[in-house]
C-alpha cells in the first residue's frame, strides 16, 4: 500500500532465523493466485510456520504470540534469499509490516520490498544482536526509523545506526511514489526535453 514514509516508531516482531527464503515467506502454491490483494497474501505470510497441517494456528510461532506486535519485522541474516518472487514482498506488506530490519538482504528481495513500500533496513550484526536481546527482555521494545536521516534507533538502549538508502528510493518512499508516479511527476520536464531534442 502506498503511504508516505517519514519517521516510523513501533514495537517489533522478532524472527531470529538466518537464511529465511522467499518460499518460507510465501510458499510456492500461492503464486498461482490470480489476485494481487494484499490482504490475501498477508494472511498467508509464513503460512507453513503460522499454521499446523490441520489449518489450526501454530501457537509456538512468533506471529501468533500476543506478546509481539508492530509494523517492524526484525529478521536474521540473509533475509529473502531463494527465488525472486515479488509475492514475498506483497505478503510482508499485506501483513502490515512497513519495515524489515536485518543484517543482510538478498538483493532482488530487497528491491522488491522497496518497490512495494516496505523499507529494508540493513544494520550491523552487533546492532541486530542487541535488538534481538532487547526484544527478548521486553517485547514492548520500540524502534525508531527516520527515513529522512536514514537512521534506526533501538529506543531501549539508545543505540543508533545509519542504514543505506539511495536518494531516488528515499524520495519515492517519503512522497508515496512508485516508479510510474515518479515518471508522471516528471512529465513536463520530459516533454520540454523532447521539444528541445527535435
N, C-alpha and C. Protein backbone atom coordinates (compact mmCIF):
# COMPACT_ATOMS: atom_id res chain seq x y z
N UNK A 1 0.84 -1.19 0.00
CA UNK A 1 0.00 0.00 0.00
C UNK A 1 0.88 1.24 0.00
N UNK A 2 0.56 2.18 -0.86
CA UNK A 2 1.33 3.41 -0.93
C UNK A 2 1.01 4.28 0.27
N UNK A 3 2.03 4.61 1.02
CA UNK A 3 1.89 5.56 2.11
C UNK A 3 3.23 6.22 2.34
N UNK A 4 3.19 7.48 2.77
CA UNK A 4 4.42 8.23 2.95
C UNK A 4 5.23 7.70 4.13
N UNK A 5 6.53 7.66 3.94
CA UNK A 5 7.47 7.27 4.98
C UNK A 5 8.17 8.52 5.49
N UNK A 6 8.21 8.64 6.79
CA UNK A 6 8.98 9.73 7.39
C UNK A 6 9.68 9.16 8.62
N UNK A 7 9.00 9.22 9.76
CA UNK A 7 9.51 8.58 10.97
C UNK A 7 8.54 7.48 11.37
N UNK A 8 9.05 6.28 11.48
CA UNK A 8 8.24 5.14 11.91
C UNK A 8 8.76 4.71 13.27
N UNK A 9 7.91 4.75 14.25
CA UNK A 9 8.28 4.29 15.59
C UNK A 9 7.30 3.21 16.00
N UNK A 10 7.82 2.05 16.32
CA UNK A 10 6.95 0.90 16.56
C UNK A 10 7.64 -0.14 17.42
N UNK A 11 6.81 -0.98 18.04
CA UNK A 11 7.33 -2.21 18.63
C UNK A 11 7.65 -3.17 17.48
N UNK A 12 8.22 -4.30 17.79
CA UNK A 12 8.75 -5.18 16.74
C UNK A 12 8.30 -6.63 16.92
N UNK A 13 8.34 -7.36 15.83
CA UNK A 13 8.15 -8.80 15.87
C UNK A 13 9.48 -9.45 15.51
N UNK A 14 10.06 -10.24 16.42
CA UNK A 14 11.38 -10.84 16.16
C UNK A 14 11.30 -12.18 15.45
N UNK A 15 12.16 -12.35 14.46
CA UNK A 15 12.28 -13.63 13.76
C UNK A 15 13.78 -13.93 13.66
N UNK A 16 14.37 -14.42 14.75
CA UNK A 16 15.82 -14.60 14.80
C UNK A 16 16.32 -15.85 14.08
N UNK A 17 15.92 -15.97 12.83
CA UNK A 17 16.33 -17.10 12.00
C UNK A 17 17.12 -16.58 10.81
N UNK A 18 18.22 -17.24 10.48
CA UNK A 18 19.02 -16.86 9.33
C UNK A 18 18.53 -17.60 8.09
N UNK A 19 18.83 -17.01 6.93
CA UNK A 19 18.54 -17.64 5.63
C UNK A 19 17.06 -17.93 5.41
N UNK A 20 16.19 -17.02 5.86
CA UNK A 20 14.76 -17.18 5.60
C UNK A 20 14.54 -16.87 4.12
N UNK A 21 14.08 -17.88 3.38
CA UNK A 21 13.95 -17.68 1.93
C UNK A 21 12.52 -17.32 1.55
N UNK A 22 12.35 -16.96 0.28
CA UNK A 22 11.05 -16.47 -0.16
C UNK A 22 9.98 -17.56 -0.15
N UNK A 23 10.39 -18.83 -0.22
CA UNK A 23 9.40 -19.91 -0.15
C UNK A 23 8.86 -20.06 1.28
N UNK A 24 9.67 -19.70 2.25
CA UNK A 24 9.19 -19.70 3.63
C UNK A 24 8.33 -18.45 3.89
N UNK A 25 8.67 -17.36 3.23
CA UNK A 25 7.89 -16.13 3.39
C UNK A 25 6.50 -16.31 2.77
N UNK A 26 6.44 -16.83 1.55
CA UNK A 26 5.16 -17.14 0.91
C UNK A 26 5.35 -18.40 0.07
N UNK A 27 4.80 -19.53 0.49
CA UNK A 27 5.01 -20.80 -0.21
C UNK A 27 4.58 -20.74 -1.69
N UNK A 28 5.26 -21.54 -2.49
CA UNK A 28 5.08 -21.51 -3.95
C UNK A 28 3.64 -21.75 -4.39
N UNK A 29 2.86 -22.53 -3.63
CA UNK A 29 1.49 -22.83 -4.06
C UNK A 29 0.61 -21.58 -4.14
N UNK A 30 1.03 -20.50 -3.48
CA UNK A 30 0.24 -19.27 -3.52
C UNK A 30 0.59 -18.39 -4.71
N UNK A 31 1.60 -18.78 -5.48
CA UNK A 31 1.98 -18.00 -6.65
C UNK A 31 0.97 -18.14 -7.77
N UNK A 32 0.11 -19.16 -7.68
CA UNK A 32 -0.91 -19.37 -8.71
C UNK A 32 -2.11 -18.45 -8.52
N UNK A 33 -2.14 -17.73 -7.42
CA UNK A 33 -3.29 -16.87 -7.13
C UNK A 33 -3.45 -15.83 -8.24
N UNK A 34 -4.69 -15.54 -8.59
CA UNK A 34 -4.97 -14.57 -9.65
C UNK A 34 -5.27 -13.19 -9.07
N UNK A 35 -5.07 -13.03 -7.78
CA UNK A 35 -5.31 -11.75 -7.13
C UNK A 35 -4.00 -11.08 -6.77
N UNK A 36 -4.03 -9.77 -6.61
CA UNK A 36 -2.90 -9.02 -6.11
C UNK A 36 -3.28 -8.45 -4.74
N UNK A 37 -4.42 -8.90 -4.22
CA UNK A 37 -4.95 -8.38 -2.97
C UNK A 37 -3.95 -8.57 -1.83
N UNK A 38 -3.56 -7.46 -1.22
CA UNK A 38 -2.56 -7.51 -0.15
C UNK A 38 -3.04 -8.34 1.04
N UNK A 39 -4.33 -8.25 1.32
CA UNK A 39 -4.87 -8.99 2.47
C UNK A 39 -4.69 -10.50 2.27
N UNK A 40 -4.95 -10.97 1.04
CA UNK A 40 -4.80 -12.39 0.75
C UNK A 40 -3.37 -12.85 1.02
N UNK A 41 -2.39 -12.12 0.49
CA UNK A 41 -1.00 -12.52 0.68
C UNK A 41 -0.56 -12.32 2.13
N UNK A 42 -1.04 -11.25 2.77
CA UNK A 42 -0.71 -11.02 4.17
C UNK A 42 -1.20 -12.13 5.08
N UNK A 43 -2.38 -12.66 4.77
CA UNK A 43 -2.93 -13.76 5.57
C UNK A 43 -2.11 -15.03 5.42
N UNK A 44 -1.34 -15.11 4.34
CA UNK A 44 -0.55 -16.32 4.09
C UNK A 44 0.95 -16.11 4.27
N UNK A 45 1.33 -14.98 4.85
CA UNK A 45 2.73 -14.74 5.18
C UNK A 45 3.21 -15.81 6.15
N UNK A 46 4.34 -16.43 5.85
CA UNK A 46 4.89 -17.52 6.67
C UNK A 46 3.85 -18.61 6.93
N UNK A 47 3.06 -18.90 5.92
CA UNK A 47 1.92 -19.80 6.06
C UNK A 47 2.27 -21.12 6.74
N UNK A 48 3.34 -21.76 6.31
CA UNK A 48 3.65 -23.09 6.83
C UNK A 48 4.25 -23.06 8.23
N UNK A 49 4.62 -21.89 8.69
CA UNK A 49 5.09 -21.72 10.07
C UNK A 49 3.95 -21.25 10.97
N UNK A 50 3.05 -20.46 10.42
CA UNK A 50 1.96 -19.89 11.22
C UNK A 50 0.86 -20.90 11.52
N UNK A 51 0.71 -21.89 10.63
CA UNK A 51 -0.41 -22.83 10.76
C UNK A 51 0.09 -24.26 10.81
N UNK A 52 -0.62 -25.08 11.55
CA UNK A 52 -0.35 -26.52 11.58
C UNK A 52 -0.95 -27.16 10.33
N UNK A 53 -0.63 -28.42 10.09
CA UNK A 53 -1.11 -29.13 8.90
C UNK A 53 -2.64 -29.19 8.83
N UNK A 54 -3.30 -29.16 10.00
CA UNK A 54 -4.77 -29.22 10.01
C UNK A 54 -5.42 -27.84 9.88
N UNK A 55 -4.59 -26.81 9.68
CA UNK A 55 -5.13 -25.46 9.49
C UNK A 55 -5.25 -24.65 10.77
N UNK A 56 -5.00 -25.29 11.90
CA UNK A 56 -5.06 -24.56 13.17
C UNK A 56 -3.80 -23.71 13.36
N UNK A 57 -3.91 -22.69 14.20
CA UNK A 57 -2.78 -21.81 14.46
C UNK A 57 -1.66 -22.55 15.19
N UNK A 58 -0.44 -22.32 14.77
CA UNK A 58 0.73 -22.82 15.49
C UNK A 58 1.05 -21.81 16.58
N UNK A 59 0.68 -22.13 17.80
CA UNK A 59 0.83 -21.18 18.90
C UNK A 59 2.28 -20.90 19.25
N UNK A 60 3.19 -21.72 18.73
CA UNK A 60 4.61 -21.52 19.03
C UNK A 60 5.29 -20.55 18.07
N UNK A 61 4.58 -20.16 16.99
CA UNK A 61 5.20 -19.24 16.03
C UNK A 61 4.97 -17.80 16.46
N UNK A 62 6.00 -16.98 16.27
CA UNK A 62 6.01 -15.63 16.84
C UNK A 62 4.85 -14.75 16.36
N UNK A 63 4.40 -14.90 15.12
CA UNK A 63 3.29 -14.06 14.66
C UNK A 63 1.98 -14.38 15.38
N UNK A 64 1.93 -15.53 16.02
CA UNK A 64 0.74 -15.92 16.78
C UNK A 64 0.91 -15.69 18.28
N UNK A 65 2.01 -15.08 18.67
CA UNK A 65 2.30 -14.80 20.08
C UNK A 65 1.79 -13.40 20.42
N UNK A 66 0.78 -13.28 21.28
CA UNK A 66 0.18 -11.98 21.58
C UNK A 66 1.13 -10.98 22.25
N UNK A 67 2.29 -11.45 22.70
CA UNK A 67 3.25 -10.52 23.31
C UNK A 67 3.89 -9.60 22.28
N UNK A 68 3.87 -10.03 21.02
CA UNK A 68 4.58 -9.28 19.99
C UNK A 68 3.61 -8.67 18.99
N UNK A 69 3.89 -7.43 18.61
CA UNK A 69 3.10 -6.74 17.60
C UNK A 69 3.93 -5.59 17.05
N UNK A 70 3.43 -4.97 16.00
CA UNK A 70 4.11 -3.80 15.47
C UNK A 70 4.26 -3.82 13.96
N UNK A 71 4.79 -2.73 13.43
CA UNK A 71 4.97 -2.55 12.00
C UNK A 71 6.39 -2.91 11.54
N UNK A 72 7.21 -3.38 12.48
CA UNK A 72 8.61 -3.69 12.17
C UNK A 72 8.89 -5.17 12.42
N UNK A 73 9.41 -5.84 11.38
CA UNK A 73 9.87 -7.22 11.50
C UNK A 73 11.39 -7.19 11.64
N UNK A 74 11.90 -7.85 12.67
CA UNK A 74 13.35 -7.94 12.86
C UNK A 74 13.75 -9.37 12.53
N UNK A 75 14.55 -9.52 11.48
CA UNK A 75 14.86 -10.86 10.96
C UNK A 75 16.36 -11.14 10.98
N UNK A 76 16.70 -12.42 10.97
CA UNK A 76 18.09 -12.83 10.95
C UNK A 76 18.76 -12.56 9.61
N UNK A 77 20.05 -12.81 9.57
CA UNK A 77 20.89 -12.54 8.40
C UNK A 77 20.43 -13.30 7.16
N UNK A 78 20.58 -12.66 6.00
CA UNK A 78 20.26 -13.24 4.69
C UNK A 78 18.77 -13.46 4.53
N UNK A 79 18.01 -12.41 4.76
CA UNK A 79 16.55 -12.48 4.66
C UNK A 79 16.13 -12.33 3.19
N UNK A 80 15.22 -13.20 2.75
CA UNK A 80 14.67 -13.10 1.41
C UNK A 80 15.50 -13.76 0.33
N UNK A 81 16.29 -14.74 0.71
CA UNK A 81 17.08 -15.48 -0.28
C UNK A 81 16.14 -16.41 -1.06
N UNK A 82 16.71 -17.10 -2.06
CA UNK A 82 15.88 -18.03 -2.83
C UNK A 82 15.33 -17.40 -4.09
N UNK A 83 14.11 -17.75 -4.46
CA UNK A 83 13.53 -17.28 -5.72
C UNK A 83 13.26 -15.78 -5.67
N UNK A 84 13.07 -15.20 -6.85
CA UNK A 84 12.89 -13.76 -6.94
C UNK A 84 11.43 -13.32 -6.80
N UNK A 85 10.55 -14.21 -6.41
CA UNK A 85 9.10 -13.93 -6.40
C UNK A 85 8.77 -12.63 -5.67
N UNK A 86 8.08 -11.75 -6.35
CA UNK A 86 7.65 -10.48 -5.75
C UNK A 86 6.55 -10.71 -4.72
N UNK A 87 5.89 -11.85 -4.82
CA UNK A 87 4.81 -12.18 -3.89
C UNK A 87 5.28 -12.13 -2.43
N UNK A 88 6.57 -12.40 -2.20
CA UNK A 88 7.10 -12.36 -0.84
C UNK A 88 6.99 -10.94 -0.27
N UNK A 89 7.32 -9.96 -1.08
CA UNK A 89 7.18 -8.56 -0.63
C UNK A 89 5.72 -8.18 -0.47
N UNK A 90 4.84 -8.70 -1.38
CA UNK A 90 3.41 -8.44 -1.24
C UNK A 90 2.90 -8.96 0.10
N UNK A 91 3.36 -10.16 0.48
CA UNK A 91 2.89 -10.77 1.73
C UNK A 91 3.35 -9.97 2.95
N UNK A 92 4.59 -9.52 2.92
CA UNK A 92 5.11 -8.73 4.04
C UNK A 92 4.32 -7.43 4.18
N UNK A 93 4.10 -6.75 3.05
CA UNK A 93 3.32 -5.51 3.07
C UNK A 93 1.88 -5.79 3.47
N UNK A 94 1.32 -6.87 2.93
CA UNK A 94 -0.07 -7.20 3.21
C UNK A 94 -0.34 -7.53 4.67
N UNK A 95 0.67 -8.06 5.34
CA UNK A 95 0.51 -8.35 6.76
C UNK A 95 0.49 -7.07 7.59
N UNK A 96 1.13 -6.03 7.07
CA UNK A 96 1.15 -4.75 7.78
C UNK A 96 2.53 -4.28 8.19
N UNK A 97 3.57 -5.01 7.78
CA UNK A 97 4.92 -4.56 8.08
C UNK A 97 5.30 -3.42 7.15
N UNK A 98 5.89 -2.38 7.72
CA UNK A 98 6.39 -1.26 6.91
C UNK A 98 7.92 -1.27 6.85
N UNK A 99 8.53 -1.96 7.80
CA UNK A 99 10.00 -2.01 7.89
C UNK A 99 10.42 -3.44 8.20
N UNK A 100 11.49 -3.89 7.55
CA UNK A 100 12.15 -5.14 7.93
C UNK A 100 13.59 -4.80 8.24
N UNK A 101 14.06 -5.20 9.41
CA UNK A 101 15.44 -4.95 9.82
C UNK A 101 16.20 -6.27 9.80
N UNK A 102 17.37 -6.27 9.16
CA UNK A 102 18.23 -7.44 9.12
C UNK A 102 19.66 -6.98 8.88
N UNK A 103 20.60 -7.88 9.07
CA UNK A 103 22.00 -7.53 8.79
C UNK A 103 22.36 -7.77 7.33
N UNK A 104 21.49 -8.48 6.59
CA UNK A 104 21.74 -8.70 5.17
C UNK A 104 20.46 -9.16 4.49
N UNK A 105 20.18 -8.57 3.31
CA UNK A 105 19.04 -8.96 2.50
C UNK A 105 19.53 -9.49 1.15
N UNK A 106 18.85 -10.49 0.62
CA UNK A 106 19.11 -10.88 -0.76
C UNK A 106 18.74 -9.70 -1.65
N UNK A 107 19.58 -9.41 -2.65
CA UNK A 107 19.43 -8.18 -3.44
C UNK A 107 18.07 -8.04 -4.11
N UNK A 108 17.62 -9.09 -4.79
CA UNK A 108 16.35 -8.98 -5.51
C UNK A 108 15.21 -8.76 -4.54
N UNK A 109 15.22 -9.49 -3.43
CA UNK A 109 14.15 -9.32 -2.45
C UNK A 109 14.17 -7.91 -1.85
N UNK A 110 15.36 -7.40 -1.59
CA UNK A 110 15.48 -6.04 -1.06
C UNK A 110 14.81 -5.04 -2.01
N UNK A 111 15.09 -5.17 -3.30
CA UNK A 111 14.48 -4.27 -4.28
C UNK A 111 12.98 -4.47 -4.38
N UNK A 112 12.53 -5.72 -4.27
CA UNK A 112 11.09 -5.98 -4.29
C UNK A 112 10.39 -5.32 -3.10
N UNK A 113 11.02 -5.36 -1.94
CA UNK A 113 10.44 -4.69 -0.78
C UNK A 113 10.33 -3.19 -1.04
N UNK A 114 11.40 -2.58 -1.51
CA UNK A 114 11.38 -1.14 -1.77
C UNK A 114 10.30 -0.77 -2.78
N UNK A 115 10.12 -1.60 -3.80
CA UNK A 115 9.12 -1.32 -4.83
C UNK A 115 7.69 -1.53 -4.33
N UNK A 116 7.54 -2.16 -3.17
CA UNK A 116 6.22 -2.42 -2.61
C UNK A 116 6.01 -1.71 -1.27
N UNK A 117 6.75 -0.63 -1.07
CA UNK A 117 6.60 0.24 0.09
C UNK A 117 6.83 -0.48 1.42
N UNK A 118 7.85 -1.32 1.41
CA UNK A 118 8.39 -1.90 2.64
C UNK A 118 9.86 -1.48 2.67
N UNK A 119 10.31 -0.94 3.78
CA UNK A 119 11.67 -0.43 3.88
C UNK A 119 12.60 -1.48 4.47
N UNK A 120 13.57 -2.00 3.69
CA UNK A 120 14.56 -2.92 4.24
C UNK A 120 15.70 -2.12 4.88
N UNK A 121 15.89 -2.30 6.16
CA UNK A 121 16.91 -1.56 6.90
C UNK A 121 18.06 -2.51 7.23
N UNK A 122 19.24 -2.23 6.65
CA UNK A 122 20.41 -3.07 6.87
C UNK A 122 21.22 -2.50 8.03
N UNK A 123 21.47 -3.34 9.04
CA UNK A 123 22.22 -2.93 10.22
C UNK A 123 23.39 -3.88 10.42
N UNK A 124 24.29 -3.50 11.32
CA UNK A 124 25.41 -4.38 11.64
C UNK A 124 24.91 -5.59 12.43
N UNK A 125 25.69 -6.65 12.40
CA UNK A 125 25.31 -7.84 13.16
C UNK A 125 25.27 -7.55 14.66
N UNK A 126 26.14 -6.66 15.11
CA UNK A 126 26.15 -6.27 16.52
C UNK A 126 24.86 -5.57 16.91
N UNK A 127 24.42 -4.63 16.07
CA UNK A 127 23.17 -3.90 16.34
C UNK A 127 21.99 -4.87 16.33
N UNK A 128 21.98 -5.78 15.34
CA UNK A 128 20.89 -6.74 15.23
C UNK A 128 20.83 -7.63 16.46
N UNK A 129 21.97 -8.12 16.92
CA UNK A 129 22.01 -8.98 18.10
C UNK A 129 21.50 -8.24 19.34
N UNK A 130 21.91 -6.98 19.46
CA UNK A 130 21.45 -6.19 20.61
C UNK A 130 19.95 -5.97 20.55
N UNK A 131 19.43 -5.74 19.34
CA UNK A 131 17.99 -5.53 19.19
C UNK A 131 17.21 -6.79 19.54
N UNK A 132 17.67 -7.94 19.07
CA UNK A 132 17.01 -9.19 19.45
C UNK A 132 17.03 -9.36 20.97
N UNK A 133 18.15 -9.02 21.59
CA UNK A 133 18.28 -9.13 23.04
C UNK A 133 17.29 -8.20 23.75
N UNK A 134 17.17 -6.97 23.27
CA UNK A 134 16.24 -6.01 23.86
C UNK A 134 14.80 -6.51 23.77
N UNK A 135 14.44 -7.06 22.61
CA UNK A 135 13.07 -7.55 22.41
C UNK A 135 12.80 -8.77 23.28
N UNK A 136 13.81 -9.63 23.45
CA UNK A 136 13.65 -10.81 24.31
C UNK A 136 13.41 -10.39 25.76
N UNK A 137 14.09 -9.35 26.18
CA UNK A 137 13.93 -8.87 27.56
C UNK A 137 12.60 -8.14 27.74
N UNK A 138 12.18 -7.42 26.71
CA UNK A 138 10.94 -6.65 26.79
C UNK A 138 10.27 -6.62 25.43
N UNK A 139 9.23 -7.44 25.21
CA UNK A 139 8.55 -7.48 23.92
C UNK A 139 7.97 -6.14 23.47
N UNK A 140 7.84 -5.19 24.40
CA UNK A 140 7.31 -3.87 24.04
C UNK A 140 8.40 -2.92 23.55
N UNK A 141 9.64 -3.41 23.45
CA UNK A 141 10.75 -2.59 22.96
C UNK A 141 10.37 -1.89 21.66
N UNK A 142 10.67 -0.60 21.58
CA UNK A 142 10.33 0.18 20.39
C UNK A 142 11.58 0.58 19.62
N UNK A 143 11.39 0.70 18.33
CA UNK A 143 12.46 1.11 17.42
C UNK A 143 11.96 2.32 16.63
N UNK A 144 12.88 3.25 16.41
CA UNK A 144 12.56 4.46 15.65
C UNK A 144 13.37 4.45 14.36
N UNK A 145 12.67 4.51 13.23
CA UNK A 145 13.31 4.56 11.92
C UNK A 145 13.02 5.93 11.31
N UNK A 146 14.08 6.68 11.08
CA UNK A 146 13.96 8.02 10.50
C UNK A 146 14.42 7.92 9.04
N UNK A 147 13.47 7.94 8.13
CA UNK A 147 13.80 7.75 6.71
C UNK A 147 14.55 8.96 6.16
N UNK A 148 14.20 10.15 6.60
CA UNK A 148 14.88 11.35 6.14
C UNK A 148 16.35 11.37 6.53
N UNK A 149 16.62 10.94 7.77
CA UNK A 149 18.00 10.92 8.27
C UNK A 149 18.71 9.61 7.97
N UNK A 150 17.95 8.61 7.52
CA UNK A 150 18.48 7.26 7.26
C UNK A 150 19.13 6.68 8.52
N UNK A 151 18.41 6.77 9.63
CA UNK A 151 18.91 6.21 10.89
C UNK A 151 17.87 5.31 11.52
N UNK A 152 18.36 4.34 12.30
CA UNK A 152 17.50 3.43 13.05
C UNK A 152 18.01 3.42 14.49
N UNK A 153 17.08 3.55 15.44
CA UNK A 153 17.45 3.65 16.85
C UNK A 153 16.69 2.63 17.68
N UNK A 154 17.43 1.88 18.48
CA UNK A 154 16.85 0.99 19.47
C UNK A 154 16.54 1.85 20.69
N UNK A 155 15.29 2.17 20.92
CA UNK A 155 14.93 3.10 21.99
C UNK A 155 15.15 2.51 23.38
N UNK A 156 15.32 1.20 23.47
CA UNK A 156 15.59 0.58 24.76
C UNK A 156 17.01 0.86 25.23
N UNK A 157 17.93 0.99 24.29
CA UNK A 157 19.35 1.18 24.65
C UNK A 157 19.90 2.52 24.18
N UNK A 158 19.23 3.15 23.24
CA UNK A 158 19.75 4.39 22.66
C UNK A 158 20.71 4.16 21.51
N UNK A 159 21.03 2.90 21.21
CA UNK A 159 21.94 2.60 20.11
C UNK A 159 21.32 3.05 18.79
N UNK A 160 22.16 3.67 17.95
CA UNK A 160 21.68 4.21 16.69
C UNK A 160 22.66 3.89 15.57
N UNK A 161 22.15 3.53 14.42
CA UNK A 161 22.99 3.29 13.25
C UNK A 161 22.38 3.95 12.03
N UNK A 162 23.23 4.27 11.07
CA UNK A 162 22.76 4.72 9.76
C UNK A 162 22.54 3.50 8.89
N UNK A 163 21.63 3.60 7.94
CA UNK A 163 21.40 2.49 7.01
C UNK A 163 21.43 3.03 5.58
N UNK A 164 21.82 2.18 4.62
CA UNK A 164 21.90 2.63 3.23
C UNK A 164 20.53 2.74 2.59
N UNK A 165 20.34 3.81 1.84
CA UNK A 165 19.10 4.00 1.07
C UNK A 165 19.40 5.04 0.00
N UNK A 166 19.26 4.65 -1.26
CA UNK A 166 19.54 5.57 -2.36
C UNK A 166 18.60 6.76 -2.34
N UNK A 167 19.07 7.88 -2.84
CA UNK A 167 18.29 9.11 -2.82
C UNK A 167 16.97 8.97 -3.59
N UNK A 168 16.99 8.25 -4.71
CA UNK A 168 15.78 8.08 -5.50
C UNK A 168 14.70 7.35 -4.71
N UNK A 169 15.06 6.20 -4.12
CA UNK A 169 14.06 5.43 -3.36
C UNK A 169 13.66 6.18 -2.08
N UNK A 170 14.59 6.89 -1.49
CA UNK A 170 14.25 7.70 -0.32
C UNK A 170 13.18 8.73 -0.69
N UNK A 171 13.38 9.41 -1.81
CA UNK A 171 12.41 10.41 -2.27
C UNK A 171 11.06 9.76 -2.55
N UNK A 172 11.09 8.62 -3.24
CA UNK A 172 9.84 7.94 -3.57
C UNK A 172 9.08 7.51 -2.32
N UNK A 173 9.79 6.92 -1.36
CA UNK A 173 9.14 6.48 -0.13
C UNK A 173 8.57 7.66 0.66
N UNK A 174 9.32 8.74 0.73
CA UNK A 174 8.88 9.88 1.52
C UNK A 174 7.72 10.63 0.88
N UNK A 175 7.50 10.36 -0.42
CA UNK A 175 6.40 11.02 -1.13
C UNK A 175 5.34 10.04 -1.63
N UNK A 176 5.44 8.78 -1.20
CA UNK A 176 4.47 7.74 -1.58
C UNK A 176 4.35 7.61 -3.09
N UNK A 177 5.50 7.53 -3.77
CA UNK A 177 5.52 7.42 -5.22
C UNK A 177 6.12 6.10 -5.65
N UNK A 178 5.46 5.40 -6.58
CA UNK A 178 6.13 4.28 -7.21
C UNK A 178 6.85 4.80 -8.45
N UNK A 179 7.48 3.93 -9.22
CA UNK A 179 8.27 4.38 -10.36
C UNK A 179 7.43 5.11 -11.40
N UNK A 180 6.21 4.61 -11.64
CA UNK A 180 5.33 5.27 -12.61
C UNK A 180 4.90 6.64 -12.10
N UNK A 181 4.53 6.71 -10.82
CA UNK A 181 4.15 8.01 -10.24
C UNK A 181 5.28 9.02 -10.40
N UNK A 182 6.51 8.55 -10.17
CA UNK A 182 7.66 9.45 -10.29
C UNK A 182 7.81 9.96 -11.71
N UNK A 183 7.68 9.06 -12.69
CA UNK A 183 7.78 9.48 -14.09
C UNK A 183 6.70 10.47 -14.46
N UNK A 184 5.48 10.23 -13.99
CA UNK A 184 4.38 11.15 -14.27
C UNK A 184 4.65 12.52 -13.65
N UNK A 185 5.30 12.51 -12.50
CA UNK A 185 5.65 13.77 -11.85
C UNK A 185 6.65 14.57 -12.69
N UNK A 186 7.42 13.84 -13.48
CA UNK A 186 8.44 14.49 -14.33
C UNK A 186 7.93 14.77 -15.75
N UNK A 187 6.64 14.60 -15.97
CA UNK A 187 6.09 14.69 -17.33
C UNK A 187 6.44 15.99 -18.03
N UNK A 188 6.27 17.12 -17.36
CA UNK A 188 6.54 18.41 -18.00
C UNK A 188 8.01 18.54 -18.39
N UNK A 189 8.91 18.02 -17.55
CA UNK A 189 10.34 18.08 -17.86
C UNK A 189 10.67 17.18 -19.05
N UNK A 190 10.02 16.02 -19.11
CA UNK A 190 10.25 15.10 -20.23
C UNK A 190 9.76 15.73 -21.54
N UNK A 191 8.57 16.35 -21.48
CA UNK A 191 8.02 16.99 -22.69
C UNK A 191 8.91 18.15 -23.15
N UNK A 192 9.41 18.90 -22.19
CA UNK A 192 10.29 20.03 -22.52
C UNK A 192 11.57 19.53 -23.17
N UNK A 193 12.10 18.42 -22.63
CA UNK A 193 13.33 17.84 -23.20
C UNK A 193 13.08 17.36 -24.63
N UNK A 194 11.93 16.73 -24.85
CA UNK A 194 11.61 16.22 -26.18
C UNK A 194 11.47 17.36 -27.20
N UNK A 195 10.91 18.46 -26.78
CA UNK A 195 10.78 19.62 -27.67
C UNK A 195 12.15 20.16 -28.07
N UNK A 196 13.06 20.21 -27.09
CA UNK A 196 14.39 20.72 -27.36
C UNK A 196 15.21 19.76 -28.22
N UNK A 197 14.86 18.49 -28.17
CA UNK A 197 15.62 17.47 -28.90
C UNK A 197 15.23 17.38 -30.37
N UNK A 198 14.10 17.98 -30.74
CA UNK A 198 13.62 17.89 -32.13
C UNK A 198 14.40 18.83 -33.05
